[in-house]
Every structure is written in C-alpha cells, then in structure tokens.
Amino acid sequence: MQLGTRWTAGSQPPASVPAELRETIAKVEEHLPEGPKPGWTLTWLEGRPIAELDTGVTVSLAPDGEAVVGHIDGMDDDER
C-alpha cells in the first residue's frame, strides 16, 4: 500500500487524485449533510487508487477502469 494525500470534502481534490475518480467523488459529496465536512484519504493498493472518506465510503477503480462506490465493512456508527 502506498500512502497518499488527505483533503476536505467539498474542496478541490489534489492533482494526485486520478481523473477517473473525480466525478464519482463529487457525486458522493453531493449527498453529504450540511455542517463540518469529513476528509478524504487517497491511498494506492496494488497500483490502484482508493479514495476513502472518513465516514467509511470508498471510491475506487474496478478492474474495467470504472469508478465504483463502496463502504468499509465493520465500521460502526460511532466511528463514522
């Protein structure tokens, strides 16, 4: 795993965030409630980018190159 970059939801993602993820990240952010915004963390696993929101939502690339939204299993509501 390669550690990456952090940024706040609603702000411009850093240049290191692949273009293939940006539109899907923006769509996820449209559904965030008002108030303080959580942070994103970009990491790389086996050469593929994964953007993870502090709430456990993830945006990653499927093998076909499409951006997909997922969620980290095992997080309880107190951790989100």
PDB file of N, CA and C in Angstrom:
ATOM      1  N   MET A   1       0.851  -1.171   0.000  1.00  0.00           N
ATOM      2  CA  MET A   1       0.000   0.000   0.000  1.00  0.00           C
ATOM      3  C   MET A   1       0.895   1.231   0.000  1.00  0.00           C
ATOM      4  N   GLN A   2       0.531   2.196  -0.813  1.00  0.00           N
ATOM      5  CA  GLN A   2       1.248   3.463  -0.856  1.00  0.00           C
ATOM      6  C   GLN A   2       0.375   4.513  -0.188  1.00  0.00           C
ATOM      7  N   LEU A   3       0.915   5.190   0.821  1.00  0.00           N
ATOM      8  CA  LEU A   3       0.151   6.235   1.486  1.00  0.00           C
ATOM      9  C   LEU A   3       0.019   7.424   0.566  1.00  0.00           C
ATOM     10  N   GLY A   4      -1.071   8.121   0.692  1.00  0.00           N
ATOM     11  CA  GLY A   4      -1.345   9.218  -0.216  1.00  0.00           C
ATOM     12  C   GLY A   4      -1.614  10.519   0.484  1.00  0.00           C
ATOM     13  N   THR A   5      -2.621  11.183   0.005  1.00  0.00           N
ATOM     14  CA  THR A   5      -2.913  12.559   0.351  1.00  0.00           C
ATOM     15  C   THR A   5      -4.272  12.668   1.021  1.00  0.00           C
ATOM     16  N   ARG A   6      -4.414  13.690   1.882  1.00  0.00           N
ATOM     17  CA  ARG A   6      -5.714  13.979   2.506  1.00  0.00           C
ATOM     18  C   ARG A   6      -6.215  15.333   2.032  1.00  0.00           C
ATOM     19  N   TRP A   7      -7.548  15.456   1.939  1.00  0.00           N
ATOM     20  CA  TRP A   7      -8.178  16.735   1.644  1.00  0.00           C
ATOM     21  C   TRP A   7      -9.597  16.708   2.192  1.00  0.00           C
ATOM     22  N   THR A   8     -10.177  17.874   2.372  1.00  0.00           N
ATOM     23  CA  THR A   8     -11.516  18.006   2.941  1.00  0.00           C
ATOM     24  C   THR A   8     -12.564  17.891   1.844  1.00  0.00           C
ATOM     25  N   ALA A   9     -13.613  17.135   2.114  1.00  0.00           N
ATOM     26  CA  ALA A   9     -14.715  17.012   1.164  1.00  0.00           C
ATOM     27  C   ALA A   9     -15.243  18.400   0.820  1.00  0.00           C
ATOM     28  N   GLY A  10     -15.560  18.596  -0.431  1.00  0.00           N
ATOM     29  CA  GLY A  10     -16.066  19.880  -0.890  1.00  0.00           C
ATOM     30  C   GLY A  10     -14.990  20.797  -1.425  1.00  0.00           C
ATOM     31  N   SER A  11     -13.739  20.486  -1.141  1.00  0.00           N
ATOM     32  CA  SER A  11     -12.642  21.286  -1.681  1.00  0.00           C
ATOM     33  C   SER A  11     -12.090  20.592  -2.929  1.00  0.00           C
ATOM     34  N   GLN A  12     -11.263  21.303  -3.656  1.00  0.00           N
ATOM     35  CA  GLN A  12     -10.661  20.752  -4.873  1.00  0.00           C
ATOM     36  C   GLN A  12      -9.733  19.589  -4.512  1.00  0.00           C
ATOM     37  N   PRO A  13      -9.949  18.408  -5.102  1.00  0.00           N
ATOM     38  CA  PRO A  13      -9.025  17.299  -4.828  1.00  0.00           C
ATOM     39  C   PRO A  13      -7.617  17.631  -5.326  1.00  0.00           C
ATOM     40  N   PRO A  14      -6.600  17.124  -4.667  1.00  0.00           N
ATOM     41  CA  PRO A  14      -5.227  17.361  -5.114  1.00  0.00           C
ATOM     42  C   PRO A  14      -4.986  16.772  -6.508  1.00  0.00           C
ATOM     43  N   ALA A  15      -3.959  17.260  -7.154  1.00  0.00           N
ATOM     44  CA  ALA A  15      -3.623  16.792  -8.502  1.00  0.00           C
ATOM     45  C   ALA A  15      -3.340  15.293  -8.540  1.00  0.00           C
ATOM     46  N   SER A  16      -2.941  14.714  -7.419  1.00  0.00           N
ATOM     47  CA  SER A  16      -2.618  13.280  -7.389  1.00  0.00           C
ATOM     48  C   SER A  16      -3.856  12.382  -7.454  1.00  0.00           C
ATOM     49  N   VAL A  17      -5.056  12.960  -7.307  1.00  0.00           N
ATOM     50  CA  VAL A  17      -6.290  12.172  -7.411  1.00  0.00           C
ATOM     51  C   VAL A  17      -6.571  11.930  -8.898  1.00  0.00           C
ATOM     52  N   PRO A  18      -6.623  10.669  -9.318  1.00  0.00           N
ATOM     53  CA  PRO A  18      -6.831  10.381 -10.737  1.00  0.00           C
ATOM     54  C   PRO A  18      -8.153  10.941 -11.266  1.00  0.00           C
ATOM     55  N   ALA A  19      -8.115  11.377 -12.504  1.00  0.00           N
ATOM     56  CA  ALA A  19      -9.304  11.942 -13.149  1.00  0.00           C
ATOM     57  C   ALA A  19     -10.472  10.961 -13.127  1.00  0.00           C
ATOM     58  N   GLU A  20     -10.184   9.663 -13.212  1.00  0.00           N
ATOM     59  CA  GLU A  20     -11.235   8.646 -13.243  1.00  0.00           C
ATOM     60  C   GLU A  20     -12.058   8.610 -11.957  1.00  0.00           C
ATOM     61  N   LEU A  21     -11.514   9.118 -10.857  1.00  0.00           N
ATOM     62  CA  LEU A  21     -12.231   9.108  -9.579  1.00  0.00           C
ATOM     63  C   LEU A  21     -12.982  10.406  -9.303  1.00  0.00           C
ATOM     64  N   ARG A  22     -12.579  11.491  -9.912  1.00  0.00           N
ATOM     65  CA  ARG A  22     -13.059  12.823  -9.533  1.00  0.00           C
ATOM     66  C   ARG A  22     -14.568  13.009  -9.659  1.00  0.00           C
ATOM     67  N   GLU A  23     -15.166  12.579 -10.751  1.00  0.00           N
ATOM     68  CA  GLU A  23     -16.606  12.758 -10.938  1.00  0.00           C
ATOM     69  C   GLU A  23     -17.398  11.986  -9.882  1.00  0.00           C
ATOM     70  N   THR A  24     -16.974  10.772  -9.597  1.00  0.00           N
ATOM     71  CA  THR A  24     -17.677   9.955  -8.607  1.00  0.00           C
ATOM     72  C   THR A  24     -17.497  10.526  -7.206  1.00  0.00           C
ATOM     73  N   ILE A  25     -16.312  11.029  -6.899  1.00  0.00           N
ATOM     74  CA  ILE A  25     -16.094  11.692  -5.609  1.00  0.00           C
ATOM     75  C   ILE A  25     -17.044  12.872  -5.465  1.00  0.00           C
ATOM     76  N   ALA A  26     -17.186  13.673  -6.519  1.00  0.00           N
ATOM     77  CA  ALA A  26     -18.089  14.830  -6.476  1.00  0.00           C
ATOM     78  C   ALA A  26     -19.536  14.387  -6.249  1.00  0.00           C
ATOM     79  N   LYS A  27     -19.948  13.284  -6.862  1.00  0.00           N
ATOM     80  CA  LYS A  27     -21.313  12.782  -6.669  1.00  0.00           C
ATOM     81  C   LYS A  27     -21.535  12.336  -5.227  1.00  0.00           C
ATOM     82  N   VAL A  28     -20.535  11.680  -4.634  1.00  0.00           N
ATOM     83  CA  VAL A  28     -20.642  11.276  -3.224  1.00  0.00           C
ATOM     84  C   VAL A  28     -20.791  12.516  -2.351  1.00  0.00           C
ATOM     85  N   GLU A  29     -20.011  13.546  -2.628  1.00  0.00           N
ATOM     86  CA  GLU A  29     -20.039  14.763  -1.814  1.00  0.00           C
ATOM     87  C   GLU A  29     -21.384  15.482  -1.898  1.00  0.00           C
ATOM     88  N   GLU A  30     -22.110  15.338  -3.011  1.00  0.00           N
ATOM     89  CA  GLU A  30     -23.436  15.957  -3.145  1.00  0.00           C
ATOM     90  C   GLU A  30     -24.408  15.433  -2.096  1.00  0.00           C
ATOM     91  N   HIS A  31     -24.169  14.251  -1.583  1.00  0.00           N
ATOM     92  CA  HIS A  31     -25.082  13.620  -0.623  1.00  0.00           C
ATOM     93  C   HIS A  31     -24.657  13.801   0.833  1.00  0.00           C
ATOM     94  N   LEU A  32     -23.586  14.540   1.057  1.00  0.00           N
ATOM     95  CA  LEU A  32     -23.140  14.773   2.437  1.00  0.00           C
ATOM     96  C   LEU A  32     -24.047  15.797   3.111  1.00  0.00           C
ATOM     97  N   PRO A  33     -24.327  15.622   4.393  1.00  0.00           N
ATOM     98  CA  PRO A  33     -25.158  16.597   5.107  1.00  0.00           C
ATOM     99  C   PRO A  33     -24.417  17.921   5.294  1.00  0.00           C
ATOM    100  N   GLU A  34     -25.173  18.956   5.568  1.00  0.00           N
ATOM    101  CA  GLU A  34     -24.577  20.262   5.874  1.00  0.00           C
ATOM    102  C   GLU A  34     -23.782  20.150   7.168  1.00  0.00           C
ATOM    103  N   GLY A  35     -22.877  21.068   7.353  1.00  0.00           N
ATOM    104  CA  GLY A  35     -22.066  21.074   8.568  1.00  0.00           C
ATOM    105  C   GLY A  35     -20.626  20.761   8.250  1.00  0.00           C
ATOM    106  N   PRO A  36     -19.854  20.451   9.279  1.00  0.00           N
ATOM    107  CA  PRO A  36     -18.434  20.142   9.062  1.00  0.00           C
ATOM    108  C   PRO A  36     -18.283  18.974   8.080  1.00  0.00           C
ATOM    109  N   LYS A  37     -17.365  19.128   7.172  1.00  0.00           N
ATOM    110  CA  LYS A  37     -17.161  18.109   6.140  1.00  0.00           C
ATOM    111  C   LYS A  37     -16.071  17.124   6.562  1.00  0.00           C
ATOM    112  N   PRO A  38     -16.298  15.842   6.276  1.00  0.00           N
ATOM    113  CA  PRO A  38     -15.269  14.842   6.572  1.00  0.00           C
ATOM    114  C   PRO A  38     -14.106  14.969   5.592  1.00  0.00           C
ATOM    115  N   GLY A  39     -13.054  14.260   5.866  1.00  0.00           N
ATOM    116  CA  GLY A  39     -11.884  14.284   4.998  1.00  0.00           C
ATOM    117  C   GLY A  39     -11.790  13.039   4.137  1.00  0.00           C
ATOM    118  N   TRP A  40     -11.149  13.197   3.008  1.00  0.00           N
ATOM    119  CA  TRP A  40     -10.818  12.091   2.115  1.00  0.00           C
ATOM    120  C   TRP A  40      -9.357  11.714   2.320  1.00  0.00           C
ATOM    121  N   THR A  41      -9.042  10.450   2.118  1.00  0.00           N
ATOM    122  CA  THR A  41      -7.663   9.976   2.087  1.00  0.00           C
ATOM    123  C   THR A  41      -7.481   9.172   0.809  1.00  0.00           C
ATOM    124  N   LEU A  42      -6.480   9.538   0.023  1.00  0.00           N
ATOM    125  CA  LEU A  42      -6.154   8.793  -1.185  1.00  0.00           C
ATOM    126  C   LEU A  42      -4.999   7.853  -0.879  1.00  0.00           C
ATOM    127  N   THR A  43      -5.201   6.562  -1.122  1.00  0.00           N
ATOM    128  CA  THR A  43      -4.132   5.573  -0.991  1.00  0.00           C
ATOM    129  C   THR A  43      -4.099   4.746  -2.271  1.00  0.00           C
ATOM    130  N   TRP A  44      -3.061   3.968  -2.387  1.00  0.00           N
ATOM    131  CA  TRP A  44      -2.900   3.099  -3.557  1.00  0.00           C
ATOM    132  C   TRP A  44      -2.692   1.683  -3.055  1.00  0.00           C
ATOM    133  N   LEU A  45      -3.462   0.748  -3.576  1.00  0.00           N
ATOM    134  CA  LEU A  45      -3.341  -0.654  -3.205  1.00  0.00           C
ATOM    135  C   LEU A  45      -3.167  -1.466  -4.482  1.00  0.00           C
ATOM    136  N   GLU A  46      -2.069  -2.169  -4.563  1.00  0.00           N
ATOM    137  CA  GLU A  46      -1.749  -2.960  -5.756  1.00  0.00           C
ATOM    138  C   GLU A  46      -1.826  -2.109  -7.022  1.00  0.00           C
ATOM    139  N   GLY A  47      -1.361  -0.868  -6.907  1.00  0.00           N
ATOM    140  CA  GLY A  47      -1.310   0.023  -8.058  1.00  0.00           C
ATOM    141  C   GLY A  47      -2.614   0.696  -8.418  1.00  0.00           C
ATOM    142  N   ARG A  48      -3.668   0.450  -7.637  1.00  0.00           N
ATOM    143  CA  ARG A  48      -4.973   1.064  -7.931  1.00  0.00           C
ATOM    144  C   ARG A  48      -5.327   2.073  -6.853  1.00  0.00           C
ATOM    145  N   PRO A  49      -5.879   3.233  -7.265  1.00  0.00           N
ATOM    146  CA  PRO A  49      -6.219   4.274  -6.299  1.00  0.00           C
ATOM    147  C   PRO A  49      -7.502   3.952  -5.540  1.00  0.00           C
ATOM    148  N   ILE A  50      -7.505   4.336  -4.265  1.00  0.00           N
ATOM    149  CA  ILE A  50      -8.692   4.212  -3.425  1.00  0.00           C
ATOM    150  C   ILE A  50      -8.826   5.512  -2.645  1.00  0.00           C
ATOM    151  N   ALA A  51      -9.950   6.199  -2.825  1.00  0.00           N
ATOM    152  CA  ALA A  51     -10.248   7.394  -2.041  1.00  0.00           C
ATOM    153  C   ALA A  51     -11.235   6.980  -0.958  1.00  0.00           C
ATOM    154  N   GLU A  52     -10.866   7.215   0.289  1.00  0.00           N
ATOM    155  CA  GLU A  52     -11.711   6.816   1.414  1.00  0.00           C
ATOM    156  C   GLU A  52     -12.128   8.045   2.200  1.00  0.00           C
ATOM    157  N   LEU A  53     -13.435   8.201   2.369  1.00  0.00           N
ATOM    158  CA  LEU A  53     -13.989   9.276   3.179  1.00  0.00           C
ATOM    159  C   LEU A  53     -13.951   8.844   4.639  1.00  0.00           C
ATOM    160  N   ASP A  54     -13.796   9.777   5.560  1.00  0.00           N
ATOM    161  CA  ASP A  54     -13.740   9.443   6.990  1.00  0.00           C
ATOM    162  C   ASP A  54     -14.962   8.658   7.460  1.00  0.00           C
ATOM    163  N   THR A  55     -16.066   8.734   6.719  1.00  0.00           N
ATOM    164  CA  THR A  55     -17.292   8.022   7.082  1.00  0.00           C
ATOM    165  C   THR A  55     -17.258   6.549   6.702  1.00  0.00           C
ATOM    166  N   GLY A  56     -16.213   6.129   5.966  1.00  0.00           N
ATOM    167  CA  GLY A  56     -16.106   4.744   5.531  1.00  0.00           C
ATOM    168  C   GLY A  56     -16.494   4.524   4.082  1.00  0.00           C
ATOM    169  N   VAL A  57     -17.016   5.545   3.417  1.00  0.00           N
ATOM    170  CA  VAL A  57     -17.342   5.445   1.991  1.00  0.00           C
ATOM    171  C   VAL A  57     -16.038   5.422   1.201  1.00  0.00           C
ATOM    172  N   THR A  58     -15.974   4.564   0.196  1.00  0.00           N
ATOM    173  CA  THR A  58     -14.791   4.493  -0.652  1.00  0.00           C
ATOM    174  C   THR A  58     -15.165   4.706  -2.113  1.00  0.00           C
ATOM    175  N   VAL A  59     -14.231   5.262  -2.858  1.00  0.00           N
ATOM    176  CA  VAL A  59     -14.341   5.355  -4.312  1.00  0.00           C
ATOM    177  C   VAL A  59     -13.059   4.743  -4.856  1.00  0.00           C
ATOM    178  N   SER A  60     -13.213   3.726  -5.683  1.00  0.00           N
ATOM    179  CA  SER A  60     -12.046   3.035  -6.229  1.00  0.00           C
ATOM    180  C   SER A  60     -12.311   2.683  -7.685  1.00  0.00           C
ATOM    181  N   LEU A  61     -11.296   2.143  -8.335  1.00  0.00           N
ATOM    182  CA  LEU A  61     -11.442   1.724  -9.724  1.00  0.00           C
ATOM    183  C   LEU A  61     -11.659   0.220  -9.791  1.00  0.00           C
ATOM    184  N   ALA A  62     -12.692  -0.172 -10.519  1.00  0.00           N
ATOM    185  CA  ALA A  62     -12.944  -1.582 -10.783  1.00  0.00           C
ATOM    186  C   ALA A  62     -11.922  -2.067 -11.815  1.00  0.00           C
ATOM    187  N   PRO A  63     -11.778  -3.367 -11.977  1.00  0.00           N
ATOM    188  CA  PRO A  63     -10.827  -3.880 -12.967  1.00  0.00           C
ATOM    189  C   PRO A  63     -11.058  -3.339 -14.384  1.00  0.00           C
ATOM    190  N   ASP A  64     -12.313  -2.988 -14.701  1.00  0.00           N
ATOM    191  CA  ASP A  64     -12.600  -2.443 -16.035  1.00  0.00           C
ATOM    192  C   ASP A  64     -12.311  -0.950 -16.142  1.00  0.00           C
ATOM    193  N   GLY A  65     -11.821  -0.337 -15.047  1.00  0.00           N
ATOM    194  CA  GLY A  65     -11.470   1.079 -15.069  1.00  0.00           C
ATOM    195  C   GLY A  65     -12.583   2.023 -14.653  1.00  0.00           C
ATOM    196  N   GLU A  66     -13.762   1.490 -14.355  1.00  0.00           N
ATOM    197  CA  GLU A  66     -14.881   2.317 -13.906  1.00  0.00           C
ATOM    198  C   GLU A  66     -14.753   2.628 -12.419  1.00  0.00           C
ATOM    199  N   ALA A  67     -15.106   3.852 -12.042  1.00  0.00           N
ATOM    200  CA  ALA A  67     -15.105   4.227 -10.629  1.00  0.00           C
ATOM    201  C   ALA A  67     -16.324   3.616  -9.952  1.00  0.00           C
ATOM    202  N   VAL A  68     -16.108   3.022  -8.787  1.00  0.00           N
ATOM    203  CA  VAL A  68     -17.196   2.401  -8.037  1.00  0.00           C
ATOM    204  C   VAL A  68     -17.187   2.910  -6.600  1.00  0.00           C
ATOM    205  N   VAL A  69     -18.378   3.016  -6.033  1.00  0.00           N
ATOM    206  CA  VAL A  69     -18.542   3.452  -4.649  1.00  0.00           C
ATOM    207  C   VAL A  69     -18.761   2.220  -3.789  1.00  0.00           C
ATOM    208  N   GLY A  70     -18.078   2.181  -2.658  1.00  0.00           N
ATOM    209  CA  GLY A  70     -18.231   1.082  -1.718  1.00  0.00           C
ATOM    210  C   GLY A  70     -18.240   1.614  -0.301  1.00  0.00           C
ATOM    211  N   HIS A  71     -18.159   0.720   0.642  1.00  0.00           N
ATOM    212  CA  HIS A  71     -18.144   1.091   2.052  1.00  0.00           C
ATOM    213  C   HIS A  71     -17.285   0.092   2.802  1.00  0.00           C
ATOM    214  N   ILE A  72     -16.511   0.577   3.735  1.00  0.00           N
ATOM    215  CA  ILE A  72     -15.678  -0.298   4.549  1.00  0.00           C
ATOM    216  C   ILE A  72     -16.567  -1.033   5.536  1.00  0.00           C
ATOM    217  N   ASP A  73     -16.573  -2.345   5.455  1.00  0.00           N
ATOM    218  CA  ASP A  73     -17.358  -3.158   6.382  1.00  0.00           C
ATOM    219  C   ASP A  73     -16.722  -3.124   7.761  1.00  0.00           C
ATOM    220  N   GLY A  74     -17.550  -3.266   8.766  1.00  0.00           N
ATOM    221  CA  GLY A  74     -17.046  -3.353  10.121  1.00  0.00           C
ATOM    222  C   GLY A  74     -17.012  -2.036  10.866  1.00  0.00           C
ATOM    223  N   MET A  75     -17.262  -0.914  10.188  1.00  0.00           N
ATOM    224  CA  MET A  75     -17.299   0.369  10.903  1.00  0.00           C
ATOM    225  C   MET A  75     -18.659   0.498  11.566  1.00  0.00           C
ATOM    226  N   ASP A  76     -18.667   0.813  12.844  1.00  0.00           N
ATOM    227  CA  ASP A  76     -19.943   1.072  13.483  1.00  0.00           C
ATOM    228  C   ASP A  76     -20.199   2.575  13.478  1.00  0.00           C
ATOM    229  N   ASP A  77     -21.414   2.961  13.823  1.00  0.00           N
ATOM    230  CA  ASP A  77     -21.819   4.360  13.705  1.00  0.00           C
ATOM    231  C   ASP A  77     -20.948   5.310  14.510  1.00  0.00           C
ATOM    232  N   ASP A  78     -20.374   4.856  15.619  1.00  0.00           N
ATOM    233  CA  ASP A  78     -19.524   5.734  16.426  1.00  0.00           C
ATOM    234  C   ASP A  78     -18.224   6.084  15.716  1.00  0.00           C
ATOM    235  N   GLU A  79     -17.812   5.273  14.763  1.00  0.00           N
ATOM    236  CA  GLU A  79     -16.562   5.513  14.047  1.00  0.00           C
ATOM    237  C   GLU A  79     -16.759   6.373  12.805  1.00  0.00           C
ATOM    238  N   ARG A  80     -17.984   6.656  12.418  1.00  0.00           N
ATOM    239  CA  ARG A  80     -18.259   7.409  11.189  1.00  0.00           C
ATOM    240  C   ARG A  80     -18.321   8.876  11.457  1.00  0.00           C
TER     241      ARG A  80
END
